[in-house]
Amino acid sequence: MTPGHLTTVVRQRTGRTVQEWIIERRMVEARNLLSDTELPVAEVARRVGMSDPGYFSRLFRRTHGTSPREWRK
């Protein structure tokens, strides 16, 4: 399967780009970790595949309208 074909299949099945789909999956897992654990935000970021906790926090805020710490409360 070529990257172009994969991109087309993901968009047809999900209505999203591959990047949007990956971010969505990461945010689902991040929400689960934030609600079910007391892990620091930096560790949550690492566990969802993001090495930069600052970028993770900005992306989480853009996606959910609140910071990971505020969302956890």
Protein backbone atom coordinates (compact mmCIF):
# COMPACT_ATOMS: atom_id res chain seq x y z
CA MET A 1 0.00 0.00 0.00
CA THR A 2 1.45 3.35 -0.99
CA PRO A 3 1.30 6.38 1.32
CA GLY A 4 -1.05 8.08 -1.13
CA HIS A 5 -3.41 5.13 -1.15
CA LEU A 6 -3.37 4.96 2.66
CA THR A 7 -4.18 8.68 2.83
CA THR A 8 -7.13 8.18 0.48
CA VAL A 9 -8.46 5.17 2.41
CA VAL A 10 -8.22 6.95 5.78
CA ARG A 11 -10.02 10.02 4.42
CA GLN A 12 -12.77 7.90 2.85
CA ARG A 13 -13.34 5.90 6.03
CA THR A 14 -12.95 8.64 8.65
CA GLY A 15 -13.56 11.92 6.83
CA ARG A 16 -10.24 13.15 8.23
CA THR A 17 -6.65 13.39 7.10
CA VAL A 18 -4.17 10.86 8.50
CA GLN A 19 -2.71 13.57 10.74
CA GLU A 20 -6.15 14.58 12.05
CA TRP A 21 -6.99 10.94 12.73
CA ILE A 22 -3.72 10.37 14.61
CA ILE A 23 -4.24 13.50 16.71
CA GLU A 24 -7.80 12.43 17.51
CA ARG A 25 -6.62 9.00 18.69
CA ARG A 26 -3.85 10.59 20.79
CA MET A 27 -6.31 13.00 22.40
CA VAL A 28 -8.68 10.14 23.29
CA GLU A 29 -5.84 8.34 25.03
CA ALA A 30 -4.66 11.57 26.70
CA ARG A 31 -8.14 12.21 28.11
CA ASN A 32 -8.23 8.66 29.47
CA LEU A 33 -4.83 9.02 31.11
CA LEU A 34 -5.70 12.41 32.56
CA SER A 35 -8.95 11.17 34.06
CA ASP A 36 -7.80 7.71 35.20
CA THR A 37 -4.29 8.44 36.50
CA GLU A 38 -2.33 11.05 38.42
CA LEU A 39 0.49 11.05 35.87
CA PRO A 40 2.15 14.41 35.26
CA VAL A 41 1.11 16.10 32.02
CA ALA A 42 4.63 15.57 30.62
CA GLU A 43 4.29 11.82 31.16
CA VAL A 44 0.83 11.79 29.57
CA ALA A 45 2.33 13.57 26.57
CA ARG A 46 5.12 10.99 26.35
CA ARG A 47 2.70 8.07 26.60
CA VAL A 48 0.60 9.36 23.71
CA GLY A 49 3.69 9.75 21.53
CA MET A 50 4.58 13.41 21.98
CA SER A 51 8.07 14.17 23.26
CA ASP A 52 7.40 17.90 23.76
CA PRO A 53 4.98 18.52 26.66
CA GLY A 54 4.56 22.16 25.63
CA TYR A 55 3.41 21.18 22.16
CA PHE A 56 1.12 18.55 23.68
CA SER A 57 -0.47 21.16 25.97
CA ARG A 58 -0.98 23.61 23.09
CA LEU A 59 -2.53 20.91 20.92
CA PHE A 60 -4.75 19.72 23.78
CA ARG A 61 -5.94 23.29 24.40
CA ARG A 62 -6.61 23.81 20.67
CA THR A 63 -8.57 20.56 20.53
CA HIS A 64 -10.51 20.85 23.82
CA GLY A 65 -10.56 24.56 24.62
CA THR A 66 -8.79 24.03 27.95
CA SER A 67 -5.39 22.95 29.21
CA PRO A 68 -4.74 19.33 30.22
CA ARG A 69 -4.47 20.37 33.89
CA GLU A 70 -7.72 22.32 33.78
CA TRP A 71 -9.45 19.45 31.97
CA ARG A 72 -8.27 16.99 34.65
CA LYS A 73 -10.01 19.04 37.36
